[in-house]
Amino acid sequence: MNARLADHARGLVWGEGPRWHKGALWLSDTQGGRLWTDASGRWTGTAADPVSNGLWFLPDGRLVGALMRDRRVGVWTGTGWDTYADLSGLGVGPLGDMVGDAAGNLYVDDVAFDAAAGEPPAPGRIILVRPDGSAEVAAEGVEFPNGMALLDDGATLVVAETARQRLTAFTVGADRTLSAPRPYADIAALVGGAARPDGIWPARDGGVWVATTTGQAVAHVRDGALVTAVPTAPDFPVACCAADDGTLFVTLASTDGEPLFAALARRAVTTRVVTVAWDGGAP
């Protein structure tokens, strides 16, 4: 079954945290400092300071964002971010992706160090933010936590460990705490040695979709096995999400042939959003 990539939108520098909500796509542009959406019928980027990374919609419909360098989760007002949860008391570093459950609990990446500023690597954490805005450390020792997805009706949390080139699963307890970390998928072994998982999203028939950045493929993995991979070269897939009908959205970064990290350092990256369609139907 062959996959086709079709352009959906352009204009981002680096597209993170894509989320589909009530017929509209929302995205953080972490390098361009904007929040993008087509909720108004037009693809529009709104300047957002501080800059968001991971996005999620609460059960009541409010949009929340992990504010990268502001040590808090914000709630979008339409023009800016009000504080939803202050994480400064936990000593967090830069914030990454975010995912939530049906009860309004949020899981947020604490990346722990700022690679762009030249800080040395440090183990990251996953922060649990409860519906009342209180926060606690849910998991430690996660190597560059990135995309996250809740599987098995919320009983399993899968996180992309970019530095370890793998996905790791946690058991989600009745109290929403995390335990029993275990390997879920070795992305380097399944997709290739260059693959570094970034954004992930639950697949309709189990497992997750993984944007592998320097692996230049979007891969569907399930229980340690590769189901399928969609090549994206010469572009680099950053993040992904699905619409209600299963349409898969992927943000693809272009460097005009330059190595990704060199282009990022020069701010010479552009990102577009594409949809993935399959000949013969959904995978």
C-alpha atoms as a PDB file:
ATOM      1  CA  MET A   1       0.000   0.000   0.000  1.00  0.00           C
ATOM      2  CA  ASN A   2       1.542   3.289  -1.138  1.00  0.00           C
ATOM      3  CA  ALA A   3       1.290   6.518   0.826  1.00  0.00           C
ATOM      4  CA  ARG A   4       0.900  10.001  -0.623  1.00  0.00           C
ATOM      5  CA  LEU A   5       1.803  13.267   1.065  1.00  0.00           C
ATOM      6  CA  ALA A   6      -0.378  16.277   0.293  1.00  0.00           C
ATOM      7  CA  ASP A   7       0.295  19.856   1.383  1.00  0.00           C
ATOM      8  CA  HIS A   8      -2.116  21.217   3.978  1.00  0.00           C
ATOM      9  CA  ALA A   9      -0.500  24.467   5.157  1.00  0.00           C
ATOM     10  CA  ARG A  10       2.751  26.399   5.070  1.00  0.00           C
ATOM     11  CA  GLY A  11       4.399  29.250   6.927  1.00  0.00           C
ATOM     12  CA  LEU A  12       5.893  27.706  10.064  1.00  0.00           C
ATOM     13  CA  VAL A  13       9.534  27.660  11.074  1.00  0.00           C
ATOM     14  CA  TRP A  14       9.320  24.583  13.352  1.00  0.00           C
ATOM     15  CA  GLY A  15       5.920  23.002  13.925  1.00  0.00           C
ATOM     16  CA  GLU A  16       5.303  21.241  17.226  1.00  0.00           C
ATOM     17  CA  GLY A  17       2.327  19.930  19.208  1.00  0.00           C
ATOM     18  CA  PRO A  18      -0.248  19.580  16.394  1.00  0.00           C
ATOM     19  CA  ARG A  19      -3.766  19.033  17.727  1.00  0.00           C
ATOM     20  CA  TRP A  20      -7.103  18.620  15.959  1.00  0.00           C
ATOM     21  CA  HIS A  21     -10.122  20.105  17.719  1.00  0.00           C
ATOM     22  CA  LYS A  22     -13.648  20.682  16.434  1.00  0.00           C
ATOM     23  CA  GLY A  23     -12.660  20.597  12.795  1.00  0.00           C
ATOM     24  CA  ALA A  24      -9.567  22.774  13.123  1.00  0.00           C
ATOM     25  CA  LEU A  25      -5.830  22.193  13.360  1.00  0.00           C
ATOM     26  CA  TRP A  26      -3.709  23.941  15.996  1.00  0.00           C
ATOM     27  CA  LEU A  27       0.104  24.110  16.089  1.00  0.00           C
ATOM     28  CA  SER A  28       2.925  25.684  18.059  1.00  0.00           C
ATOM     29  CA  ASP A  29       5.743  27.285  16.086  1.00  0.00           C
ATOM     30  CA  THR A  30       8.491  27.030  18.678  1.00  0.00           C
ATOM     31  CA  GLN A  31      11.083  28.818  16.534  1.00  0.00           C
ATOM     32  CA  GLY A  32       8.735  31.309  14.914  1.00  0.00           C
ATOM     33  CA  GLY A  33       7.043  32.344  18.171  1.00  0.00           C
ATOM     34  CA  ARG A  34       3.496  31.867  16.898  1.00  0.00           C
ATOM     35  CA  LEU A  35       0.393  29.822  17.557  1.00  0.00           C
ATOM     36  CA  TRP A  36      -1.131  28.658  14.260  1.00  0.00           C
ATOM     37  CA  THR A  37      -4.685  27.520  13.513  1.00  0.00           C
ATOM     38  CA  ASP A  38      -7.269  27.385  10.749  1.00  0.00           C
ATOM     39  CA  ALA A  39     -10.163  27.592  13.229  1.00  0.00           C
ATOM     40  CA  SER A  40     -11.328  30.872  11.647  1.00  0.00           C
ATOM     41  CA  GLY A  41     -11.359  29.344   8.169  1.00  0.00           C
ATOM     42  CA  ARG A  42      -7.976  30.854   7.323  1.00  0.00           C
ATOM     43  CA  TRP A  43      -4.549  29.494   8.234  1.00  0.00           C
ATOM     44  CA  THR A  44      -3.335  32.173  10.638  1.00  0.00           C
ATOM     45  CA  GLY A  45      -0.340  32.564  12.935  1.00  0.00           C
ATOM     46  CA  THR A  46      -0.777  34.684  16.060  1.00  0.00           C
ATOM     47  CA  ALA A  47       2.310  36.032  17.808  1.00  0.00           C
ATOM     48  CA  ALA A  48       2.492  34.327  21.204  1.00  0.00           C
ATOM     49  CA  ASP A  49       4.883  35.399  23.937  1.00  0.00           C
ATOM     50  CA  PRO A  50       5.882  33.301  25.808  1.00  0.00           C
ATOM     51  CA  VAL A  51       6.249  30.575  23.202  1.00  0.00           C
ATOM     52  CA  SER A  52       4.288  27.354  23.571  1.00  0.00           C
ATOM     53  CA  ASN A  53       5.493  23.868  22.746  1.00  0.00           C
ATOM     54  CA  GLY A  54       3.101  20.985  23.531  1.00  0.00           C
ATOM     55  CA  LEU A  55      -0.608  21.735  23.194  1.00  0.00           C
ATOM     56  CA  TRP A  56      -3.736  20.025  24.510  1.00  0.00           C
ATOM     57  CA  PHE A  57      -7.465  20.690  24.813  1.00  0.00           C
ATOM     58  CA  LEU A  58      -9.012  20.282  28.252  1.00  0.00           C
ATOM     59  CA  PRO A  59     -12.354  18.467  28.630  1.00  0.00           C
ATOM     60  CA  ASP A  60     -14.104  21.856  28.821  1.00  0.00           C
ATOM     61  CA  GLY A  61     -12.613  22.874  25.457  1.00  0.00           C
ATOM     62  CA  ARG A  62      -9.939  25.277  26.663  1.00  0.00           C
ATOM     63  CA  LEU A  63      -6.560  25.151  24.917  1.00  0.00           C
ATOM     64  CA  VAL A  64      -3.517  24.775  27.170  1.00  0.00           C
ATOM     65  CA  GLY A  65       0.121  25.004  26.193  1.00  0.00           C
ATOM     66  CA  ALA A  66       3.432  23.979  27.736  1.00  0.00           C
ATOM     67  CA  LEU A  67       5.271  27.307  27.743  1.00  0.00           C
ATOM     68  CA  MET A  68       8.781  26.349  26.755  1.00  0.00           C
ATOM     69  CA  ARG A  69      10.893  28.641  28.869  1.00  0.00           C
ATOM     70  CA  ASP A  70       8.319  30.074  31.243  1.00  0.00           C
ATOM     71  CA  ARG A  71       8.079  27.126  33.685  1.00  0.00           C
ATOM     72  CA  ARG A  72       4.307  26.989  33.491  1.00  0.00           C
ATOM     73  CA  VAL A  73       1.353  25.622  31.599  1.00  0.00           C
ATOM     74  CA  GLY A  74      -0.749  28.405  30.117  1.00  0.00           C
ATOM     75  CA  VAL A  75      -4.371  28.601  29.005  1.00  0.00           C
ATOM     76  CA  TRP A  76      -4.982  30.441  25.735  1.00  0.00           C
ATOM     77  CA  THR A  77      -7.119  33.582  25.965  1.00  0.00           C
ATOM     78  CA  GLY A  78      -7.225  34.291  22.242  1.00  0.00           C
ATOM     79  CA  THR A  79      -4.382  36.792  22.461  1.00  0.00           C
ATOM     80  CA  GLY A  80      -1.997  35.336  25.062  1.00  0.00           C
ATOM     81  CA  TRP A  81      -1.436  32.813  27.823  1.00  0.00           C
ATOM     82  CA  ASP A  82      -2.871  33.046  31.328  1.00  0.00           C
ATOM     83  CA  THR A  83      -1.372  30.764  33.971  1.00  0.00           C
ATOM     84  CA  TYR A  84      -3.043  27.380  34.335  1.00  0.00           C
ATOM     85  CA  ALA A  85      -0.310  25.632  36.363  1.00  0.00           C
ATOM     86  CA  ASP A  86       2.900  27.103  37.783  1.00  0.00           C
ATOM     87  CA  LEU A  87       5.705  24.499  37.582  1.00  0.00           C
ATOM     88  CA  SER A  88       8.540  26.683  38.865  1.00  0.00           C
ATOM     89  CA  GLY A  89       8.422  25.065  42.308  1.00  0.00           C
ATOM     90  CA  LEU A  90       9.460  21.754  40.726  1.00  0.00           C
ATOM     91  CA  GLY A  91      12.645  23.238  39.281  1.00  0.00           C
ATOM     92  CA  VAL A  92      11.736  22.383  35.708  1.00  0.00           C
ATOM     93  CA  GLY A  93      13.859  23.207  32.698  1.00  0.00           C
ATOM     94  CA  PRO A  94      12.510  23.831  29.186  1.00  0.00           C
ATOM     95  CA  LEU A  95       9.084  22.252  28.655  1.00  0.00           C
ATOM     96  CA  GLY A  96       8.334  19.968  25.717  1.00  0.00           C
ATOM     97  CA  ASP A  97       5.288  18.030  24.627  1.00  0.00           C
ATOM     98  CA  MET A  98       2.057  17.525  26.543  1.00  0.00           C
ATOM     99  CA  VAL A  99      -0.846  15.068  26.541  1.00  0.00           C
ATOM    100  CA  GLY A 100      -3.997  14.815  28.646  1.00  0.00           C
ATOM    101  CA  ASP A 101      -6.708  12.350  29.666  1.00  0.00           C
ATOM    102  CA  ALA A 102     -10.494  12.540  29.689  1.00  0.00           C
ATOM    103  CA  ALA A 103     -10.532  13.688  33.323  1.00  0.00           C
ATOM    104  CA  GLY A 104      -8.311  16.709  32.641  1.00  0.00           C
ATOM    105  CA  ASN A 105      -4.998  15.370  33.958  1.00  0.00           C
ATOM    106  CA  LEU A 106      -1.995  16.554  31.930  1.00  0.00           C
ATOM    107  CA  TYR A 107       1.435  15.002  31.409  1.00  0.00           C
ATOM    108  CA  VAL A 108       4.172  17.485  30.499  1.00  0.00           C
ATOM    109  CA  ASP A 109       7.782  16.929  29.426  1.00  0.00           C
ATOM    110  CA  ASP A 110      10.477  18.524  31.567  1.00  0.00           C
ATOM    111  CA  VAL A 111      13.356  18.354  29.085  1.00  0.00           C
ATOM    112  CA  ALA A 112      15.700  19.532  31.886  1.00  0.00           C
ATOM    113  CA  PHE A 113      18.335  21.289  29.749  1.00  0.00           C
ATOM    114  CA  ASP A 114      18.440  23.834  26.941  1.00  0.00           C
ATOM    115  CA  ALA A 115      20.382  22.259  24.086  1.00  0.00           C
ATOM    116  CA  ALA A 116      20.052  25.378  21.930  1.00  0.00           C
ATOM    117  CA  ALA A 117      21.814  27.397  24.643  1.00  0.00           C
ATOM    118  CA  GLY A 118      24.651  24.863  24.869  1.00  0.00           C
ATOM    119  CA  GLU A 119      23.666  23.436  28.247  1.00  0.00           C
ATOM    120  CA  PRO A 120      25.032  19.932  28.930  1.00  0.00           C
ATOM    121  CA  PRO A 121      22.540  17.046  28.679  1.00  0.00           C
ATOM    122  CA  ALA A 122      20.666  16.072  31.836  1.00  0.00           C
ATOM    123  CA  PRO A 123      17.996  13.455  32.559  1.00  0.00           C
ATOM    124  CA  GLY A 124      14.490  14.723  32.003  1.00  0.00           C
ATOM    125  CA  ARG A 125      11.209  14.110  33.802  1.00  0.00           C
ATOM    126  CA  ILE A 126       7.497  13.836  33.176  1.00  0.00           C
ATOM    127  CA  ILE A 127       5.335  16.205  35.209  1.00  0.00           C
ATOM    128  CA  LEU A 128       1.739  15.381  36.155  1.00  0.00           C
ATOM    129  CA  VAL A 129      -0.593  18.384  36.323  1.00  0.00           C
ATOM    130  CA  ARG A 130      -3.914  17.596  37.953  1.00  0.00           C
ATOM    131  CA  PRO A 131      -7.222  19.313  37.077  1.00  0.00           C
ATOM    132  CA  ASP A 132      -6.894  21.658  40.067  1.00  0.00           C
ATOM    133  CA  GLY A 133      -3.580  22.954  38.698  1.00  0.00           C
ATOM    134  CA  SER A 134      -1.376  21.191  41.251  1.00  0.00           C
ATOM    135  CA  ALA A 135       1.731  19.521  39.852  1.00  0.00           C
ATOM    136  CA  GLU A 136       4.098  16.722  40.818  1.00  0.00           C
ATOM    137  CA  VAL A 137       6.921  14.684  39.291  1.00  0.00           C
ATOM    138  CA  ALA A 138       5.466  11.542  37.710  1.00  0.00           C
ATOM    139  CA  ALA A 139       8.656  10.012  36.253  1.00  0.00           C
ATOM    140  CA  GLU A 140      12.388  10.720  36.367  1.00  0.00           C
ATOM    141  CA  GLY A 141      15.411   9.652  34.360  1.00  0.00           C
ATOM    142  CA  VAL A 142      13.783  10.123  30.948  1.00  0.00           C
ATOM    143  CA  GLU A 143      16.415  10.939  28.319  1.00  0.00           C
ATOM    144  CA  PHE A 144      15.150  13.956  26.384  1.00  0.00           C
ATOM    145  CA  PRO A 145      11.414  13.280  26.755  1.00  0.00           C
ATOM    146  CA  ASN A 146       9.501  14.286  23.670  1.00  0.00           C
ATOM    147  CA  GLY A 147       6.195  13.173  22.135  1.00  0.00           C
ATOM    148  CA  MET A 148       3.696  11.386  24.399  1.00  0.00           C
ATOM    149  CA  ALA A 149       0.561   9.330  23.819  1.00  0.00           C
ATOM    150  CA  LEU A 150      -1.982   7.643  26.075  1.00  0.00           C
ATOM    151  CA  LEU A 151      -2.936   4.123  24.953  1.00  0.00           C
ATOM    152  CA  ASP A 152      -5.162   1.300  26.265  1.00  0.00           C
ATOM    153  CA  ASP A 153      -7.942   3.687  27.295  1.00  0.00           C
ATOM    154  CA  GLY A 154      -5.472   5.743  29.294  1.00  0.00           C
ATOM    155  CA  ALA A 155      -3.840   2.829  31.117  1.00  0.00           C
ATOM    156  CA  THR A 156      -0.497   3.224  29.317  1.00  0.00           C
ATOM    157  CA  LEU A 157       1.594   6.329  28.642  1.00  0.00           C
ATOM    158  CA  VAL A 158       4.162   6.068  25.853  1.00  0.00           C
ATOM    159  CA  VAL A 159       6.906   8.686  25.651  1.00  0.00           C
ATOM    160  CA  ALA A 160       9.521   9.264  22.953  1.00  0.00           C
ATOM    161  CA  GLU A 161      13.014   9.338  24.417  1.00  0.00           C
ATOM    162  CA  THR A 162      14.787  11.167  21.620  1.00  0.00           C
ATOM    163  CA  ALA A 163      18.298  10.751  23.020  1.00  0.00           C
ATOM    164  CA  ARG A 164      17.823   6.999  23.466  1.00  0.00           C
ATOM    165  CA  GLN A 165      16.159   6.647  20.044  1.00  0.00           C
ATOM    166  CA  ARG A 166      13.330   4.639  21.538  1.00  0.00           C
ATOM    167  CA  LEU A 167       9.809   4.746  22.912  1.00  0.00           C
ATOM    168  CA  THR A 168       9.240   3.907  26.571  1.00  0.00           C
ATOM    169  CA  ALA A 169       5.931   2.850  28.136  1.00  0.00           C
ATOM    170  CA  PHE A 170       4.655   3.534  31.665  1.00  0.00           C
ATOM    171  CA  THR A 171       1.709   2.060  33.511  1.00  0.00           C
ATOM    172  CA  VAL A 172      -0.802   4.744  34.494  1.00  0.00           C
ATOM    173  CA  GLY A 173      -2.243   4.058  37.945  1.00  0.00           C
ATOM    174  CA  ALA A 174      -5.758   4.739  39.159  1.00  0.00           C
ATOM    175  CA  ASP A 175      -4.341   7.842  40.842  1.00  0.00           C
ATOM    176  CA  ARG A 176      -2.783   8.853  37.458  1.00  0.00           C
ATOM    177  CA  THR A 177       0.779   8.357  38.675  1.00  0.00           C
ATOM    178  CA  LEU A 178       3.283   6.535  36.466  1.00  0.00           C
ATOM    179  CA  SER A 179       5.142   3.309  37.220  1.00  0.00           C
ATOM    180  CA  ALA A 180       6.807   0.265  35.621  1.00  0.00           C
ATOM    181  CA  PRO A 181       8.823   1.929  32.826  1.00  0.00           C
ATOM    182  CA  ARG A 182       9.608  -0.551  30.052  1.00  0.00           C
ATOM    183  CA  PRO A 183      10.774  -0.517  26.416  1.00  0.00           C
ATOM    184  CA  TYR A 184       7.962  -0.078  23.904  1.00  0.00           C
ATOM    185  CA  ALA A 185       9.835   0.237  20.592  1.00  0.00           C
ATOM    186  CA  ASP A 186      13.481   0.557  19.546  1.00  0.00           C
ATOM    187  CA  ILE A 187      13.092   3.190  16.842  1.00  0.00           C
ATOM    188  CA  ALA A 188      16.724   3.062  15.714  1.00  0.00           C
ATOM    189  CA  ALA A 189      16.496  -0.683  15.157  1.00  0.00           C
ATOM    190  CA  LEU A 190      13.099  -0.528  13.445  1.00  0.00           C
ATOM    191  CA  VAL A 191      13.527   2.542  11.230  1.00  0.00           C
ATOM    192  CA  GLY A 192      17.283   3.091  10.996  1.00  0.00           C
ATOM    193  CA  GLY A 193      20.243   4.340  12.991  1.00  0.00           C
ATOM    194  CA  ALA A 194      19.566   7.985  12.103  1.00  0.00           C
ATOM    195  CA  ALA A 195      16.003   7.909  13.478  1.00  0.00           C
ATOM    196  CA  ARG A 196      15.297  10.077  16.499  1.00  0.00           C
ATOM    197  CA  PRO A 197      11.673  10.027  17.671  1.00  0.00           C
ATOM    198  CA  ASP A 198      10.006  13.376  18.249  1.00  0.00           C
ATOM    199  CA  GLY A 199       6.207  13.700  18.088  1.00  0.00           C
ATOM    200  CA  ILE A 200       3.977  10.629  18.410  1.00  0.00           C
ATOM    201  CA  TRP A 201       0.250   9.927  18.121  1.00  0.00           C
ATOM    202  CA  PRO A 202      -1.981   6.893  18.827  1.00  0.00           C
ATOM    203  CA  ALA A 203      -2.739   4.818  15.719  1.00  0.00           C
ATOM    204  CA  ARG A 204      -6.325   3.755  15.065  1.00  0.00           C
ATOM    205  CA  ASP A 205      -5.528   0.035  15.053  1.00  0.00           C
ATOM    206  CA  GLY A 206      -3.127   0.098  17.998  1.00  0.00           C
ATOM    207  CA  GLY A 207       0.388   1.343  18.569  1.00  0.00           C
ATOM    208  CA  VAL A 208       1.584   4.806  17.661  1.00  0.00           C
ATOM    209  CA  TRP A 209       2.704   6.920  14.750  1.00  0.00           C
ATOM    210  CA  VAL A 210       6.208   8.316  15.233  1.00  0.00           C
ATOM    211  CA  ALA A 211       7.824  11.309  13.541  1.00  0.00           C
ATOM    212  CA  THR A 212      11.490  10.246  13.370  1.00  0.00           C
ATOM    213  CA  THR A 213      13.102  13.631  12.393  1.00  0.00           C
ATOM    214  CA  THR A 214      16.573  12.657  11.081  1.00  0.00           C
ATOM    215  CA  GLY A 215      15.193   9.214  10.234  1.00  0.00           C
ATOM    216  CA  GLN A 216      13.189  11.000   7.487  1.00  0.00           C
ATOM    217  CA  ALA A 217      10.162   8.758   7.907  1.00  0.00           C
ATOM    218  CA  VAL A 218       6.866   8.633   9.741  1.00  0.00           C
ATOM    219  CA  ALA A 219       6.546   5.150  11.205  1.00  0.00           C
ATOM    220  CA  HIS A 220       3.681   3.145  12.679  1.00  0.00           C
ATOM    221  CA  VAL A 221       5.018   0.893  15.437  1.00  0.00           C
ATOM    222  CA  ARG A 222       3.127  -1.489  17.692  1.00  0.00           C
ATOM    223  CA  ASP A 223       4.401  -3.621  20.565  1.00  0.00           C
ATOM    224  CA  GLY A 224       8.035  -3.435  19.456  1.00  0.00           C
ATOM    225  CA  ALA A 225       7.367  -4.116  15.774  1.00  0.00           C
ATOM    226  CA  LEU A 226       7.294  -1.900  12.681  1.00  0.00           C
ATOM    227  CA  VAL A 227       3.885  -1.922  10.976  1.00  0.00           C
ATOM    228  CA  THR A 228       4.705   0.516   8.173  1.00  0.00           C
ATOM    229  CA  ALA A 229       6.940   3.478   7.412  1.00  0.00           C
ATOM    230  CA  VAL A 230       6.228   6.442   5.149  1.00  0.00           C
ATOM    231  CA  PRO A 231       9.407   8.027   3.702  1.00  0.00           C
ATOM    232  CA  THR A 232       9.589  11.824   3.873  1.00  0.00           C
ATOM    233  CA  ALA A 233      13.091  12.530   2.486  1.00  0.00           C
ATOM    234  CA  PRO A 234      14.467  15.052   1.840  1.00  0.00           C
ATOM    235  CA  ASP A 235      12.314  16.529   4.605  1.00  0.00           C
ATOM    236  CA  PHE A 236      12.386  15.811   8.340  1.00  0.00           C
ATOM    237  CA  PRO A 237       9.138  14.866  10.141  1.00  0.00           C
ATOM    238  CA  VAL A 238       8.785  16.685  13.452  1.00  0.00           C
ATOM    239  CA  ALA A 239       5.354  15.920  14.900  1.00  0.00           C
ATOM    240  CA  CYS A 240       2.018  14.361  13.996  1.00  0.00           C
ATOM    241  CA  CYS A 241      -1.615  14.047  14.993  1.00  0.00           C
ATOM    242  CA  ALA A 242      -4.815  12.623  13.569  1.00  0.00           C
ATOM    243  CA  ALA A 243      -8.197  14.171  12.815  1.00  0.00           C
ATOM    244  CA  ASP A 244     -11.450  12.576  13.909  1.00  0.00           C
ATOM    245  CA  ASP A 245     -11.719  10.720  10.582  1.00  0.00           C
ATOM    246  CA  GLY A 246      -8.218   9.295  10.928  1.00  0.00           C
ATOM    247  CA  THR A 247      -6.476  11.741   8.568  1.00  0.00           C
ATOM    248  CA  LEU A 248      -2.850  11.937   9.680  1.00  0.00           C
ATOM    249  CA  PHE A 249      -1.229  15.378   9.826  1.00  0.00           C
ATOM    250  CA  VAL A 250       2.573  15.612   9.874  1.00  0.00           C
ATOM    251  CA  THR A 251       4.829  18.653  10.177  1.00  0.00           C
ATOM    252  CA  LEU A 252       7.766  18.402   7.776  1.00  0.00           C
ATOM    253  CA  ALA A 253      10.872  20.549   8.147  1.00  0.00           C
ATOM    254  CA  SER A 254      12.865  21.499   5.060  1.00  0.00           C
ATOM    255  CA  THR A 255      16.520  22.533   5.077  1.00  0.00           C
ATOM    256  CA  ASP A 256      17.174  22.716   1.318  1.00  0.00           C
ATOM    257  CA  GLY A 257      19.619  19.847   1.592  1.00  0.00           C
ATOM    258  CA  GLU A 258      21.577  21.116   4.591  1.00  0.00           C
ATOM    259  CA  PRO A 259      22.015  18.806   7.621  1.00  0.00           C
ATOM    260  CA  LEU A 260      19.160  19.409  10.053  1.00  0.00           C
ATOM    261  CA  PHE A 261      21.102  20.552  13.111  1.00  0.00           C
ATOM    262  CA  ALA A 262      23.307  22.896  11.057  1.00  0.00           C
ATOM    263  CA  ALA A 263      20.235  24.452   9.469  1.00  0.00           C
ATOM    264  CA  LEU A 264      18.556  24.825  12.861  1.00  0.00           C
ATOM    265  CA  ALA A 265      21.613  26.622  14.205  1.00  0.00           C
ATOM    266  CA  ARG A 266      21.422  29.064  11.280  1.00  0.00           C
ATOM    267  CA  ARG A 267      17.632  29.354  11.596  1.00  0.00           C
ATOM    268  CA  ALA A 268      17.448  28.210   7.976  1.00  0.00           C
ATOM    269  CA  VAL A 269      14.510  25.824   8.404  1.00  0.00           C
ATOM    270  CA  THR A 270      10.974  26.082   7.076  1.00  0.00           C
ATOM    271  CA  THR A 271       8.109  23.759   7.995  1.00  0.00           C
ATOM    272  CA  ARG A 272       4.908  22.803   6.256  1.00  0.00           C
ATOM    273  CA  VAL A 273       1.995  20.621   7.299  1.00  0.00           C
ATOM    274  CA  VAL A 274       1.067  17.661   5.116  1.00  0.00           C
ATOM    275  CA  THR A 275      -1.625  15.015   5.237  1.00  0.00           C
ATOM    276  CA  VAL A 276      -0.873  11.343   4.651  1.00  0.00           C
ATOM    277  CA  ALA A 277      -3.210   9.323   2.445  1.00  0.00           C
ATOM    278  CA  TRP A 278      -2.948   5.708   1.334  1.00  0.00           C
ATOM    279  CA  ASP A 279      -3.851   4.136  -1.979  1.00  0.00           C
ATOM    280  CA  GLY A 280      -6.584   1.638  -1.286  1.00  0.00           C
ATOM    281  CA  GLY A 281      -7.715   3.158   1.994  1.00  0.00           C
ATOM    282  CA  ALA A 282      -6.446   3.756   5.520  1.00  0.00           C
ATOM    283  CA  PRO A 283      -3.601   1.531   6.809  1.00  0.00           C
END
